[in-house]
Amino acid sequence: MTDRPILAPPDGHKKVLLHSCCAPCSGEVMEAMTASGVDYTIFFYNPNIHPKREYEIRKNENIRFAEKHGIAFIDADYDADNWMARAKGLEMEPERGARCTMCFDMRFERTALYAHENGFPVITSSLGISRWKDMNQINGCGERAAGKYDGVKYWTYNWRKGGGSARMIEISKREEFYQQEYCGCVYSLRDTNQHRLETGRGKIEIGTQFYRNGEKI
């Protein structure tokens, strides 16, 4: 395994509020921050995740890993109705399009507000570690949300570099995480299922895919 770089949050701060989208994406980010002595708290606010069963599985996997490492976990409201209202008119947008920008904005706005109200000078997110995401899109949304408040900054660290993406997979296998098969929202589930059917595969079965003994089953 590649040695992790020593992390240095912006402006010399050590206290960070980490928006987490799921356990597989946040596992490496959490372990990297822990190894660097960063004082961080997880903020789980993902009203995009559909259906509720999928949301609960992803959240509980993240709680399990946080408890294992003794990391504080903020369980924010699900707020799915609000997300659906904001997605109105964006139903047919592609992945990485305007709907995703809205989604990141919504999640980061709530993260930045919590940071402002609770004394966190820095926020960041595990979303950017996924190769399926647009790093510039995520960072733009994070900086825009943090910019609403004096004393809050978004940390635009590239969690993929230095072997971060590979370690994300290693940790997922080691911890036998639940492996979600679509981004999370009802529209990504729709589009993923359509692609699977067009390529001769069955629809996604919620709650069935886990890493076992280093392999996905």
N, C-alpha and C. Protein backbone atom coordinates (compact mmCIF):
# COMPACT_ATOMS: atom_id res chain seq x y z
N MET A 1 0.84 -1.20 0.00
CA MET A 1 0.00 0.00 0.00
C MET A 1 0.87 1.24 0.00
N THR A 2 0.52 2.24 -0.81
CA THR A 2 1.24 3.50 -0.87
C THR A 2 1.07 4.26 0.43
N ASP A 3 2.18 4.85 0.92
CA ASP A 3 2.07 5.65 2.13
C ASP A 3 1.19 6.86 1.88
N ARG A 4 0.36 7.17 2.85
CA ARG A 4 -0.51 8.33 2.71
C ARG A 4 0.29 9.61 2.91
N PRO A 5 -0.06 10.67 2.17
CA PRO A 5 0.57 11.97 2.42
C PRO A 5 0.05 12.55 3.74
N ILE A 6 0.84 13.41 4.37
CA ILE A 6 0.39 14.10 5.57
C ILE A 6 -0.55 15.22 5.14
N LEU A 7 -1.73 15.24 5.70
CA LEU A 7 -2.75 16.21 5.32
C LEU A 7 -2.61 17.50 6.12
N ALA A 8 -2.87 18.60 5.46
CA ALA A 8 -2.83 19.92 6.11
C ALA A 8 -4.05 20.71 5.67
N PRO A 9 -5.10 20.74 6.48
CA PRO A 9 -6.29 21.52 6.14
C PRO A 9 -5.94 22.99 5.93
N PRO A 10 -6.78 23.73 5.22
CA PRO A 10 -6.49 25.13 4.91
C PRO A 10 -6.24 26.00 6.14
N ASP A 11 -5.34 26.97 5.97
CA ASP A 11 -5.08 28.03 6.96
C ASP A 11 -4.64 27.49 8.31
N GLY A 12 -4.04 26.30 8.31
CA GLY A 12 -3.52 25.75 9.54
C GLY A 12 -4.55 25.19 10.49
N HIS A 13 -5.82 25.12 10.06
CA HIS A 13 -6.87 24.59 10.93
C HIS A 13 -6.73 23.07 11.07
N LYS A 14 -7.20 22.55 12.18
CA LYS A 14 -7.19 21.11 12.42
C LYS A 14 -8.60 20.54 12.60
N LYS A 15 -9.60 21.42 12.70
CA LYS A 15 -10.97 20.98 12.93
C LYS A 15 -11.74 21.04 11.62
N VAL A 16 -12.29 19.89 11.22
CA VAL A 16 -12.93 19.76 9.91
C VAL A 16 -14.29 19.07 10.04
N LEU A 17 -15.27 19.56 9.30
CA LEU A 17 -16.56 18.88 9.18
C LEU A 17 -16.57 18.17 7.84
N LEU A 18 -16.62 16.84 7.88
CA LEU A 18 -16.55 16.01 6.68
C LEU A 18 -17.94 15.59 6.24
N HIS A 19 -18.40 16.13 5.10
CA HIS A 19 -19.64 15.62 4.53
C HIS A 19 -19.33 14.25 3.94
N SER A 20 -20.06 13.25 4.39
CA SER A 20 -19.86 11.88 3.91
C SER A 20 -21.07 11.44 3.10
N CYS A 21 -20.80 10.86 1.93
CA CYS A 21 -21.88 10.36 1.08
C CYS A 21 -22.16 8.88 1.35
N CYS A 22 -21.13 8.14 1.81
CA CYS A 22 -21.28 6.71 2.06
C CYS A 22 -20.00 6.18 2.69
N ALA A 23 -20.07 4.98 3.23
CA ALA A 23 -18.90 4.38 3.86
C ALA A 23 -17.77 4.07 2.88
N PRO A 24 -18.03 3.47 1.71
CA PRO A 24 -16.92 3.17 0.79
C PRO A 24 -16.13 4.42 0.38
N CYS A 25 -16.82 5.51 0.07
CA CYS A 25 -16.12 6.73 -0.35
C CYS A 25 -15.42 7.42 0.82
N SER A 26 -16.02 7.39 2.00
CA SER A 26 -15.44 8.12 3.12
C SER A 26 -14.38 7.33 3.88
N GLY A 27 -14.31 6.01 3.68
CA GLY A 27 -13.38 5.20 4.45
C GLY A 27 -11.95 5.67 4.35
N GLU A 28 -11.46 5.88 3.14
CA GLU A 28 -10.09 6.35 2.95
C GLU A 28 -9.90 7.77 3.46
N VAL A 29 -10.89 8.63 3.22
CA VAL A 29 -10.82 10.01 3.70
C VAL A 29 -10.72 10.03 5.23
N MET A 30 -11.52 9.22 5.88
CA MET A 30 -11.49 9.14 7.34
C MET A 30 -10.15 8.64 7.86
N GLU A 31 -9.66 7.57 7.27
CA GLU A 31 -8.40 7.01 7.76
C GLU A 31 -7.23 7.96 7.48
N ALA A 32 -7.28 8.66 6.35
CA ALA A 32 -6.22 9.62 6.03
C ALA A 32 -6.22 10.78 7.02
N MET A 33 -7.40 11.28 7.36
CA MET A 33 -7.48 12.38 8.33
C MET A 33 -7.04 11.93 9.72
N THR A 34 -7.45 10.73 10.09
CA THR A 34 -7.04 10.20 11.39
C THR A 34 -5.52 10.07 11.46
N ALA A 35 -4.91 9.55 10.40
CA ALA A 35 -3.46 9.36 10.37
C ALA A 35 -2.71 10.68 10.45
N SER A 36 -3.34 11.76 9.98
CA SER A 36 -2.71 13.08 9.99
C SER A 36 -3.05 13.91 11.23
N GLY A 37 -3.80 13.33 12.14
CA GLY A 37 -4.14 14.04 13.37
C GLY A 37 -5.18 15.13 13.20
N VAL A 38 -6.00 15.04 12.15
CA VAL A 38 -7.05 16.02 11.92
C VAL A 38 -8.24 15.72 12.83
N ASP A 39 -8.75 16.73 13.51
CA ASP A 39 -9.92 16.58 14.37
C ASP A 39 -11.16 16.79 13.50
N TYR A 40 -11.83 15.72 13.15
CA TYR A 40 -12.95 15.83 12.23
C TYR A 40 -14.21 15.16 12.76
N THR A 41 -15.32 15.62 12.24
CA THR A 41 -16.64 15.07 12.55
C THR A 41 -17.34 14.77 11.24
N ILE A 42 -18.07 13.65 11.19
CA ILE A 42 -18.78 13.28 9.97
C ILE A 42 -20.17 13.92 9.98
N PHE A 43 -20.54 14.48 8.83
CA PHE A 43 -21.86 15.06 8.66
C PHE A 43 -22.55 14.30 7.53
N PHE A 44 -23.58 13.52 7.88
CA PHE A 44 -24.27 12.69 6.91
C PHE A 44 -25.59 13.34 6.54
N TYR A 45 -25.60 14.00 5.39
CA TYR A 45 -26.81 14.63 4.88
C TYR A 45 -26.89 14.32 3.39
N ASN A 46 -27.74 13.36 3.04
CA ASN A 46 -27.84 12.88 1.67
C ASN A 46 -29.30 12.59 1.31
N PRO A 47 -30.12 13.65 1.19
CA PRO A 47 -31.55 13.46 0.92
C PRO A 47 -31.83 12.97 -0.49
N ASN A 48 -30.80 12.88 -1.30
CA ASN A 48 -30.94 12.37 -2.67
C ASN A 48 -31.13 10.87 -2.73
N ILE A 49 -30.65 10.14 -1.73
CA ILE A 49 -30.60 8.68 -1.80
C ILE A 49 -32.01 8.09 -1.78
N HIS A 50 -32.27 7.22 -2.74
CA HIS A 50 -33.59 6.60 -2.92
C HIS A 50 -33.39 5.13 -3.29
N PRO A 51 -34.25 4.24 -2.78
CA PRO A 51 -35.34 4.45 -1.83
C PRO A 51 -34.83 4.57 -0.40
N LYS A 52 -35.76 4.71 0.55
CA LYS A 52 -35.37 4.89 1.95
C LYS A 52 -34.55 3.71 2.45
N ARG A 53 -34.86 2.52 1.98
CA ARG A 53 -34.09 1.35 2.44
C ARG A 53 -32.62 1.49 2.04
N GLU A 54 -32.37 1.96 0.83
CA GLU A 54 -31.00 2.17 0.38
C GLU A 54 -30.31 3.24 1.24
N TYR A 55 -31.05 4.29 1.54
CA TYR A 55 -30.52 5.35 2.40
C TYR A 55 -30.10 4.80 3.76
N GLU A 56 -30.97 4.01 4.36
CA GLU A 56 -30.68 3.49 5.70
C GLU A 56 -29.47 2.55 5.68
N ILE A 57 -29.36 1.73 4.65
CA ILE A 57 -28.21 0.82 4.56
C ILE A 57 -26.92 1.62 4.46
N ARG A 58 -26.89 2.61 3.56
CA ARG A 58 -25.68 3.40 3.38
C ARG A 58 -25.32 4.16 4.66
N LYS A 59 -26.32 4.74 5.30
CA LYS A 59 -26.07 5.49 6.53
C LYS A 59 -25.54 4.57 7.64
N ASN A 60 -26.16 3.42 7.81
CA ASN A 60 -25.76 2.53 8.89
C ASN A 60 -24.37 1.95 8.67
N GLU A 61 -23.97 1.73 7.42
CA GLU A 61 -22.61 1.29 7.15
C GLU A 61 -21.61 2.37 7.56
N ASN A 62 -21.97 3.63 7.30
CA ASN A 62 -21.09 4.73 7.67
C ASN A 62 -21.01 4.89 9.19
N ILE A 63 -22.15 4.72 9.87
CA ILE A 63 -22.16 4.77 11.33
C ILE A 63 -21.29 3.66 11.91
N ARG A 64 -21.41 2.47 11.35
CA ARG A 64 -20.62 1.33 11.83
C ARG A 64 -19.12 1.62 11.77
N PHE A 65 -18.68 2.20 10.65
CA PHE A 65 -17.26 2.48 10.48
C PHE A 65 -16.83 3.64 11.38
N ALA A 66 -17.68 4.64 11.55
CA ALA A 66 -17.35 5.76 12.42
C ALA A 66 -17.21 5.30 13.87
N GLU A 67 -18.14 4.46 14.31
CA GLU A 67 -18.07 3.96 15.68
C GLU A 67 -16.82 3.13 15.91
N LYS A 68 -16.41 2.38 14.91
CA LYS A 68 -15.20 1.57 15.02
C LYS A 68 -13.98 2.44 15.27
N HIS A 69 -13.97 3.63 14.69
CA HIS A 69 -12.83 4.54 14.81
C HIS A 69 -13.04 5.63 15.85
N GLY A 70 -14.20 5.61 16.54
CA GLY A 70 -14.46 6.60 17.58
C GLY A 70 -14.66 8.01 17.04
N ILE A 71 -15.24 8.13 15.86
CA ILE A 71 -15.44 9.42 15.21
C ILE A 71 -16.89 9.88 15.40
N ALA A 72 -17.05 11.15 15.79
CA ALA A 72 -18.39 11.70 15.97
C ALA A 72 -19.15 11.71 14.64
N PHE A 73 -20.43 11.39 14.70
CA PHE A 73 -21.26 11.24 13.50
C PHE A 73 -22.53 12.06 13.67
N ILE A 74 -22.72 13.04 12.79
CA ILE A 74 -23.93 13.86 12.81
C ILE A 74 -24.90 13.29 11.78
N ASP A 75 -26.03 12.80 12.27
CA ASP A 75 -27.06 12.21 11.40
C ASP A 75 -28.09 13.28 11.10
N ALA A 76 -27.98 13.94 9.94
CA ALA A 76 -28.88 15.02 9.58
C ALA A 76 -30.20 14.46 9.04
N ASP A 77 -31.17 15.34 8.88
CA ASP A 77 -32.49 14.91 8.41
C ASP A 77 -32.40 14.32 7.00
N TYR A 78 -33.29 13.38 6.72
CA TYR A 78 -33.35 12.77 5.38
C TYR A 78 -33.82 13.79 4.35
N ASP A 79 -34.93 14.50 4.61
CA ASP A 79 -35.33 15.65 3.80
C ASP A 79 -35.55 15.32 2.33
N ALA A 80 -36.05 14.12 2.04
CA ALA A 80 -36.19 13.68 0.65
C ALA A 80 -37.20 14.50 -0.13
N ASP A 81 -38.28 14.94 0.51
CA ASP A 81 -39.30 15.73 -0.20
C ASP A 81 -38.72 17.04 -0.71
N ASN A 82 -37.87 17.66 0.09
CA ASN A 82 -37.22 18.90 -0.31
C ASN A 82 -36.32 18.66 -1.53
N TRP A 83 -35.59 17.55 -1.51
CA TRP A 83 -34.71 17.23 -2.63
C TRP A 83 -35.53 17.03 -3.91
N MET A 84 -36.61 16.29 -3.82
CA MET A 84 -37.45 16.04 -5.00
C MET A 84 -38.03 17.34 -5.55
N ALA A 85 -38.39 18.25 -4.66
CA ALA A 85 -38.92 19.54 -5.12
C ALA A 85 -37.86 20.33 -5.88
N ARG A 86 -36.62 20.27 -5.39
CA ARG A 86 -35.55 21.00 -6.05
C ARG A 86 -35.13 20.34 -7.36
N ALA A 87 -35.40 19.05 -7.48
CA ALA A 87 -35.05 18.33 -8.72
C ALA A 87 -36.10 18.48 -9.81
N LYS A 88 -37.22 19.10 -9.49
CA LYS A 88 -38.31 19.26 -10.46
C LYS A 88 -37.80 20.01 -11.68
N GLY A 89 -38.05 19.45 -12.87
CA GLY A 89 -37.59 20.03 -14.12
C GLY A 89 -36.22 19.53 -14.54
N LEU A 90 -35.54 18.79 -13.66
CA LEU A 90 -34.19 18.28 -13.94
C LEU A 90 -34.18 16.76 -14.08
N GLU A 91 -35.37 16.18 -14.21
CA GLU A 91 -35.49 14.72 -14.18
C GLU A 91 -34.71 14.02 -15.28
N MET A 92 -34.56 14.65 -16.44
CA MET A 92 -33.90 14.00 -17.57
C MET A 92 -32.46 14.47 -17.77
N GLU A 93 -31.93 15.21 -16.81
CA GLU A 93 -30.53 15.62 -16.89
C GLU A 93 -29.61 14.41 -16.76
N PRO A 94 -28.48 14.40 -17.48
CA PRO A 94 -27.54 13.28 -17.37
C PRO A 94 -26.71 13.37 -16.09
N GLU A 95 -26.04 12.28 -15.74
CA GLU A 95 -25.11 12.30 -14.63
C GLU A 95 -24.05 13.37 -14.90
N ARG A 96 -23.65 14.08 -13.85
CA ARG A 96 -22.70 15.19 -13.89
C ARG A 96 -23.30 16.46 -14.48
N GLY A 97 -24.60 16.46 -14.74
CA GLY A 97 -25.28 17.62 -15.30
C GLY A 97 -25.85 18.54 -14.24
N ALA A 98 -26.85 19.33 -14.65
CA ALA A 98 -27.42 20.35 -13.77
C ALA A 98 -28.09 19.75 -12.53
N ARG A 99 -28.67 18.56 -12.66
CA ARG A 99 -29.30 17.94 -11.49
C ARG A 99 -28.26 17.61 -10.42
N CYS A 100 -27.10 17.14 -10.83
CA CYS A 100 -26.04 16.82 -9.88
C CYS A 100 -25.51 18.09 -9.21
N THR A 101 -25.40 19.17 -9.99
CA THR A 101 -24.98 20.44 -9.39
C THR A 101 -25.97 20.87 -8.32
N MET A 102 -27.27 20.78 -8.62
CA MET A 102 -28.29 21.10 -7.63
C MET A 102 -28.13 20.24 -6.38
N CYS A 103 -27.88 18.96 -6.59
CA CYS A 103 -27.76 18.00 -5.49
C CYS A 103 -26.57 18.32 -4.60
N PHE A 104 -25.42 18.59 -5.21
CA PHE A 104 -24.23 18.95 -4.44
C PHE A 104 -24.45 20.26 -3.70
N ASP A 105 -25.05 21.24 -4.40
CA ASP A 105 -25.33 22.53 -3.76
C ASP A 105 -26.18 22.33 -2.51
N MET A 106 -27.23 21.53 -2.62
CA MET A 106 -28.14 21.33 -1.50
C MET A 106 -27.43 20.69 -0.31
N ARG A 107 -26.65 19.67 -0.58
CA ARG A 107 -25.97 18.97 0.50
C ARG A 107 -24.88 19.83 1.15
N PHE A 108 -24.15 20.56 0.32
CA PHE A 108 -23.08 21.40 0.86
C PHE A 108 -23.62 22.64 1.56
N GLU A 109 -24.75 23.15 1.12
CA GLU A 109 -25.36 24.29 1.80
C GLU A 109 -25.71 23.92 3.24
N ARG A 110 -26.27 22.74 3.42
CA ARG A 110 -26.62 22.29 4.78
C ARG A 110 -25.35 22.03 5.59
N THR A 111 -24.32 21.47 4.95
CA THR A 111 -23.06 21.21 5.65
C THR A 111 -22.42 22.52 6.10
N ALA A 112 -22.39 23.50 5.20
CA ALA A 112 -21.78 24.80 5.53
C ALA A 112 -22.55 25.51 6.64
N LEU A 113 -23.87 25.41 6.61
CA LEU A 113 -24.69 26.02 7.66
C LEU A 113 -24.38 25.40 9.01
N TYR A 114 -24.28 24.06 9.04
CA TYR A 114 -23.96 23.39 10.30
C TYR A 114 -22.58 23.81 10.79
N ALA A 115 -21.63 23.90 9.87
CA ALA A 115 -20.28 24.31 10.24
C ALA A 115 -20.28 25.72 10.82
N HIS A 116 -21.03 26.62 10.19
CA HIS A 116 -21.13 28.01 10.65
C HIS A 116 -21.73 28.08 12.05
N GLU A 117 -22.74 27.28 12.28
CA GLU A 117 -23.46 27.34 13.56
C GLU A 117 -22.75 26.60 14.68
N ASN A 118 -21.79 25.74 14.32
CA ASN A 118 -21.16 24.89 15.34
C ASN A 118 -19.64 25.00 15.39
N GLY A 119 -19.10 26.05 14.82
CA GLY A 119 -17.69 26.34 15.01
C GLY A 119 -16.71 25.49 14.23
N PHE A 120 -17.09 25.04 13.03
CA PHE A 120 -16.16 24.31 12.17
C PHE A 120 -15.62 25.28 11.11
N PRO A 121 -14.32 25.57 11.10
CA PRO A 121 -13.77 26.51 10.13
C PRO A 121 -13.57 25.92 8.75
N VAL A 122 -13.58 24.60 8.64
CA VAL A 122 -13.31 23.94 7.37
C VAL A 122 -14.35 22.84 7.12
N ILE A 123 -14.85 22.78 5.89
CA ILE A 123 -15.69 21.66 5.47
C ILE A 123 -15.05 21.01 4.25
N THR A 124 -15.33 19.74 4.07
CA THR A 124 -14.91 19.03 2.87
C THR A 124 -15.86 17.86 2.67
N SER A 125 -15.63 17.07 1.61
CA SER A 125 -16.54 15.97 1.31
C SER A 125 -15.79 14.79 0.73
N SER A 126 -16.33 13.61 0.99
CA SER A 126 -15.77 12.38 0.42
C SER A 126 -16.24 12.15 -1.01
N LEU A 127 -17.17 12.96 -1.50
CA LEU A 127 -17.73 12.76 -2.84
C LEU A 127 -16.65 12.73 -3.92
N GLY A 128 -15.64 13.57 -3.78
CA GLY A 128 -14.65 13.71 -4.84
C GLY A 128 -13.72 12.53 -5.03
N ILE A 129 -13.71 11.57 -4.12
CA ILE A 129 -12.80 10.43 -4.27
C ILE A 129 -13.27 9.47 -5.36
N SER A 130 -14.54 9.54 -5.72
CA SER A 130 -15.08 8.63 -6.73
C SER A 130 -14.69 9.09 -8.13
N ARG A 131 -14.20 8.15 -8.92
CA ARG A 131 -13.80 8.48 -10.29
C ARG A 131 -15.01 8.78 -11.17
N TRP A 132 -16.21 8.49 -10.67
CA TRP A 132 -17.43 8.77 -11.44
C TRP A 132 -17.88 10.21 -11.30
N LYS A 133 -17.26 10.94 -10.37
CA LYS A 133 -17.67 12.31 -10.11
C LYS A 133 -16.73 13.30 -10.80
N ASP A 134 -17.26 14.50 -11.08
CA ASP A 134 -16.49 15.59 -11.66
C ASP A 134 -15.93 16.42 -10.51
N MET A 135 -14.61 16.36 -10.32
CA MET A 135 -13.98 17.05 -9.21
C MET A 135 -14.22 18.56 -9.24
N ASN A 136 -14.14 19.16 -10.42
CA ASN A 136 -14.36 20.60 -10.53
C ASN A 136 -15.79 20.98 -10.17
N GLN A 137 -16.74 20.14 -10.56
CA GLN A 137 -18.13 20.39 -10.22
C GLN A 137 -18.33 20.35 -8.71
N ILE A 138 -17.77 19.34 -8.06
CA ILE A 138 -17.91 19.19 -6.62
C ILE A 138 -17.24 20.35 -5.89
N ASN A 139 -16.01 20.68 -6.28
CA ASN A 139 -15.30 21.76 -5.60
C ASN A 139 -16.01 23.10 -5.78
N GLY A 140 -16.56 23.33 -6.97
CA GLY A 140 -17.28 24.57 -7.20
C GLY A 140 -18.48 24.70 -6.29
N CYS A 141 -19.22 23.61 -6.13
CA CYS A 141 -20.39 23.61 -5.24
C CYS A 141 -19.96 23.81 -3.79
N GLY A 142 -18.89 23.15 -3.38
CA GLY A 142 -18.41 23.28 -2.01
C GLY A 142 -17.94 24.69 -1.69
N GLU A 143 -17.19 25.28 -2.61
CA GLU A 143 -16.69 26.64 -2.39
C GLU A 143 -17.84 27.65 -2.37
N ARG A 144 -18.83 27.44 -3.22
CA ARG A 144 -19.98 28.33 -3.27
C ARG A 144 -20.76 28.28 -1.95
N ALA A 145 -20.94 27.08 -1.41
CA ALA A 145 -21.68 26.94 -0.15
C ALA A 145 -20.92 27.56 1.02
N ALA A 146 -19.62 27.28 1.10
CA ALA A 146 -18.81 27.81 2.19
C ALA A 146 -18.69 29.33 2.10
N GLY A 147 -18.71 29.86 0.88
CA GLY A 147 -18.57 31.29 0.68
C GLY A 147 -19.69 32.12 1.24
N LYS A 148 -20.78 31.49 1.63
CA LYS A 148 -21.91 32.22 2.21
C LYS A 148 -21.63 32.66 3.64
N TYR A 149 -20.58 32.08 4.26
CA TYR A 149 -20.33 32.34 5.67
C TYR A 149 -18.89 32.78 5.90
N ASP A 150 -18.73 33.84 6.66
CA ASP A 150 -17.39 34.25 7.07
C ASP A 150 -16.84 33.19 8.02
N GLY A 151 -15.59 32.85 7.83
CA GLY A 151 -14.95 31.90 8.74
C GLY A 151 -15.17 30.45 8.39
N VAL A 152 -15.79 30.16 7.23
CA VAL A 152 -15.95 28.77 6.78
C VAL A 152 -15.32 28.63 5.40
N LYS A 153 -14.46 27.63 5.24
CA LYS A 153 -13.77 27.42 3.97
C LYS A 153 -13.96 25.97 3.53
N TYR A 154 -14.11 25.79 2.21
CA TYR A 154 -14.19 24.44 1.65
C TYR A 154 -12.80 23.96 1.28
N TRP A 155 -12.44 22.78 1.73
CA TRP A 155 -11.12 22.19 1.49
C TRP A 155 -11.18 21.40 0.19
N THR A 156 -10.52 21.90 -0.84
CA THR A 156 -10.58 21.28 -2.18
C THR A 156 -9.46 20.25 -2.36
N TYR A 157 -9.29 19.40 -1.40
CA TYR A 157 -8.23 18.39 -1.50
C TYR A 157 -8.64 17.28 -2.47
N ASN A 158 -7.68 16.81 -3.29
CA ASN A 158 -7.94 15.72 -4.22
C ASN A 158 -7.68 14.39 -3.52
N TRP A 159 -8.74 13.77 -3.02
CA TRP A 159 -8.60 12.54 -2.25
C TRP A 159 -8.19 11.35 -3.11
N ARG A 160 -8.23 11.50 -4.43
CA ARG A 160 -7.83 10.39 -5.30
C ARG A 160 -6.32 10.23 -5.40
N LYS A 161 -5.59 11.31 -5.19
CA LYS A 161 -4.15 11.29 -5.45
C LYS A 161 -3.40 10.49 -4.39
N GLY A 162 -2.17 10.13 -4.73
CA GLY A 162 -1.33 9.40 -3.78
C GLY A 162 -1.86 8.03 -3.42
N GLY A 163 -2.63 7.42 -4.33
CA GLY A 163 -3.15 6.09 -4.07
C GLY A 163 -4.46 6.06 -3.32
N GLY A 164 -5.09 7.23 -3.17
CA GLY A 164 -6.33 7.29 -2.40
C GLY A 164 -7.44 6.43 -2.97
N SER A 165 -7.61 6.44 -4.29
CA SER A 165 -8.68 5.65 -4.91
C SER A 165 -8.46 4.15 -4.69
N ALA A 166 -7.20 3.71 -4.80
CA ALA A 166 -6.89 2.30 -4.59
C ALA A 166 -7.15 1.89 -3.14
N ARG A 167 -6.76 2.76 -2.21
CA ARG A 167 -7.00 2.46 -0.80
C ARG A 167 -8.48 2.44 -0.48
N MET A 168 -9.26 3.25 -1.16
CA MET A 168 -10.71 3.22 -0.97
C MET A 168 -11.25 1.82 -1.23
N ILE A 169 -10.81 1.19 -2.30
CA ILE A 169 -11.25 -0.16 -2.63
C ILE A 169 -10.72 -1.17 -1.62
N GLU A 170 -9.46 -1.02 -1.22
CA GLU A 170 -8.87 -1.94 -0.24
C GLU A 170 -9.65 -1.90 1.08
N ILE A 171 -10.00 -0.70 1.52
CA ILE A 171 -10.75 -0.56 2.77
C ILE A 171 -12.14 -1.16 2.63
N SER A 172 -12.78 -0.94 1.48
CA SER A 172 -14.12 -1.50 1.26
C SER A 172 -14.09 -3.02 1.35
N LYS A 173 -13.05 -3.64 0.80
CA LYS A 173 -12.92 -5.09 0.86
C LYS A 173 -12.61 -5.55 2.28
N ARG A 174 -11.72 -4.84 2.94
CA ARG A 174 -11.33 -5.20 4.31
C ARG A 174 -12.51 -5.12 5.26
N GLU A 175 -13.34 -4.08 5.10
CA GLU A 175 -14.47 -3.85 6.00
C GLU A 175 -15.75 -4.55 5.54
N GLU A 176 -15.71 -5.16 4.36
CA GLU A 176 -16.88 -5.82 3.78
C GLU A 176 -18.08 -4.87 3.72
N PHE A 177 -17.82 -3.69 3.18
CA PHE A 177 -18.86 -2.68 3.06
C PHE A 177 -19.96 -3.11 2.09
N TYR A 178 -21.13 -2.54 2.32
CA TYR A 178 -22.19 -2.62 1.33
C TYR A 178 -21.73 -1.83 0.10
N GLN A 179 -21.91 -2.41 -1.08
CA GLN A 179 -21.45 -1.77 -2.32
C GLN A 179 -22.64 -1.33 -3.14
N GLN A 180 -22.96 -0.06 -3.07
CA GLN A 180 -24.07 0.46 -3.86
C GLN A 180 -23.73 0.43 -5.35
N GLU A 181 -24.75 0.23 -6.16
CA GLU A 181 -24.53 0.03 -7.59
C GLU A 181 -25.04 1.17 -8.46
N TYR A 182 -25.39 2.28 -7.84
CA TYR A 182 -25.79 3.47 -8.58
C TYR A 182 -25.49 4.66 -7.68
N CYS A 183 -25.51 5.85 -8.27
CA CYS A 183 -25.10 7.04 -7.52
C CYS A 183 -25.95 7.24 -6.28
N GLY A 184 -27.27 7.14 -6.42
CA GLY A 184 -28.09 7.27 -5.23
C GLY A 184 -29.51 7.73 -5.45
N CYS A 185 -29.73 8.66 -6.38
CA CYS A 185 -31.07 9.23 -6.52
C CYS A 185 -31.97 8.35 -7.38
N VAL A 186 -33.26 8.66 -7.35
CA VAL A 186 -34.25 7.87 -8.09
C VAL A 186 -33.97 7.90 -9.59
N TYR A 187 -33.39 9.00 -10.07
CA TYR A 187 -33.14 9.13 -11.50
C TYR A 187 -31.88 8.36 -11.91
N SER A 188 -30.88 8.31 -11.05
CA SER A 188 -29.71 7.49 -11.36
C SER A 188 -30.07 6.01 -11.28
N LEU A 189 -30.98 5.66 -10.37
CA LEU A 189 -31.45 4.27 -10.30
C LEU A 189 -32.21 3.92 -11.58
N ARG A 190 -33.06 4.82 -12.02
CA ARG A 190 -33.80 4.61 -13.27
C ARG A 190 -32.86 4.40 -14.45
N ASP A 191 -31.89 5.29 -14.60
CA ASP A 191 -30.99 5.23 -15.75
C ASP A 191 -30.06 4.02 -15.68
N THR A 192 -29.62 3.67 -14.47
CA THR A 192 -28.74 2.50 -14.32
C THR A 192 -29.51 1.23 -14.66
N ASN A 193 -30.74 1.12 -14.18
CA ASN A 193 -31.55 -0.06 -14.49
C ASN A 193 -31.82 -0.16 -15.98
N GLN A 194 -32.07 0.96 -16.63
CA GLN A 194 -32.32 0.95 -18.07
C GLN A 194 -31.09 0.44 -18.82
N HIS A 195 -29.92 0.91 -18.40
CA HIS A 195 -28.68 0.45 -19.05
C HIS A 195 -28.46 -1.04 -18.80
N ARG A 196 -28.74 -1.49 -17.59
CA ARG A 196 -28.55 -2.90 -17.28
C ARG A 196 -29.48 -3.78 -18.13
N LEU A 197 -30.72 -3.36 -18.28
CA LEU A 197 -31.67 -4.14 -19.09
C LEU A 197 -31.25 -4.15 -20.56
N GLU A 198 -30.73 -3.01 -21.04
CA GLU A 198 -30.30 -2.93 -22.44
C GLU A 198 -29.07 -3.80 -22.71
N THR A 199 -28.30 -4.09 -21.68
CA THR A 199 -27.09 -4.91 -21.83
C THR A 199 -27.27 -6.33 -21.31
N GLY A 200 -28.53 -6.73 -21.12
CA GLY A 200 -28.82 -8.11 -20.76
C GLY A 200 -28.66 -8.46 -19.30
N ARG A 201 -28.64 -7.44 -18.42
CA ARG A 201 -28.52 -7.69 -16.99
C ARG A 201 -29.84 -7.39 -16.30
N GLY A 202 -30.03 -7.99 -15.14
CA GLY A 202 -31.23 -7.71 -14.38
C GLY A 202 -31.16 -6.38 -13.65
N LYS A 203 -32.30 -5.92 -13.16
CA LYS A 203 -32.33 -4.69 -12.40
C LYS A 203 -31.59 -4.83 -11.07
N ILE A 204 -31.20 -3.70 -10.52
CA ILE A 204 -30.51 -3.67 -9.23
C ILE A 204 -31.42 -4.21 -8.14
N GLU A 205 -30.86 -5.04 -7.29
CA GLU A 205 -31.57 -5.55 -6.13
C GLU A 205 -31.01 -4.84 -4.89
N ILE A 206 -31.81 -3.99 -4.29
CA ILE A 206 -31.36 -3.19 -3.16
C ILE A 206 -30.93 -4.09 -2.00
N GLY A 207 -29.78 -3.78 -1.43
CA GLY A 207 -29.33 -4.46 -0.22
C GLY A 207 -28.70 -5.81 -0.39
N THR A 208 -28.26 -6.17 -1.60
CA THR A 208 -27.73 -7.52 -1.82
C THR A 208 -26.22 -7.57 -2.06
N GLN A 209 -25.59 -6.46 -2.45
CA GLN A 209 -24.19 -6.51 -2.84
C GLN A 209 -23.26 -6.05 -1.72
N PHE A 210 -22.40 -6.95 -1.29
CA PHE A 210 -21.40 -6.65 -0.27
C PHE A 210 -20.06 -7.23 -0.71
N TYR A 211 -19.00 -6.65 -0.17
CA TYR A 211 -17.68 -7.27 -0.33
C TYR A 211 -17.55 -8.39 0.70
N ARG A 212 -17.18 -9.58 0.25
CA ARG A 212 -16.95 -10.71 1.16
C ARG A 212 -15.59 -11.32 0.84
N ASN A 213 -14.77 -11.42 1.87
CA ASN A 213 -13.45 -12.05 1.70
C ASN A 213 -12.69 -11.44 0.52
N GLY A 214 -12.80 -10.10 0.41
CA GLY A 214 -12.05 -9.40 -0.60
C GLY A 214 -12.68 -9.38 -1.97
N GLU A 215 -13.83 -9.98 -2.14
CA GLU A 215 -14.48 -10.02 -3.45
C GLU A 215 -15.90 -9.49 -3.33
N LYS A 216 -16.38 -8.91 -4.40
CA LYS A 216 -17.75 -8.44 -4.43
C LYS A 216 -18.65 -9.62 -4.84
N ILE A 217 -19.76 -9.80 -4.10
CA ILE A 217 -20.67 -10.89 -4.45
C ILE A 217 -22.04 -10.32 -4.79
